[in-house]
Amino acid sequence: MNKLISSFAIVIAACAFALAGYSGFSFARGAQAQDDARLKREQLYRLNNVGVAFMEQYKHEDAMKQFKQALETEPNFAVARINLALAHFYLNDSRAAVEEARAGIKLAPDSPHAHYALAAALRNEKLYDESLAEFNKVLSIDPRDSATNIQIGQLHGGTFSPTDFQK
């Protein structure tokens, strides 16, 4: 009886491999696809990390090149999209920062970094009510974020530049 079960198991296994080969499935191709996906992900994070390193050196244009290269490969790579928004912000291009931060929020709606980047850029654009709403979204995600609490306090306290209200 055991010999019959063993023979039956071998036949079933052979059929499974035959069907796998017939349907075009290849364990080697499956493994290669996984390797390709892993390598692509590693490349995206490498580009992002190099961009972050440039930002830490205040080389924001160089950082933007890295983030954009990552986004050319994978437009839905939220981390690079959010970091691109920050690079625009640090280069005082608030309008581009707003656009990229909004795109980042679409990709990662629960990212406090994306909401913070948008809030800061909106503040630079003197859109204080929208900025406050975004800072409050950051606090809804991370209630203990001290930088956000400071920003909200400044918005409520009216800590603005005297030129903010000149026409």
Foldseek 3Di string as FASTA:
>chain_A
DVVVVVVVVVVVVVVVVVVCVVVVHDPVVVVVVVVVVVVLVVQLVVLQVVLVVCVVVVNLVSSLVSLVVSCVSPVLPLSSLLVNLVSCVSVVNLVVSLVSLVSSCVSPVLDLSSLQSNLSSCVSVVVLVSSLVSLVSSCVNPVPPPVSVVVNCCSVVVVDDPCSPPD
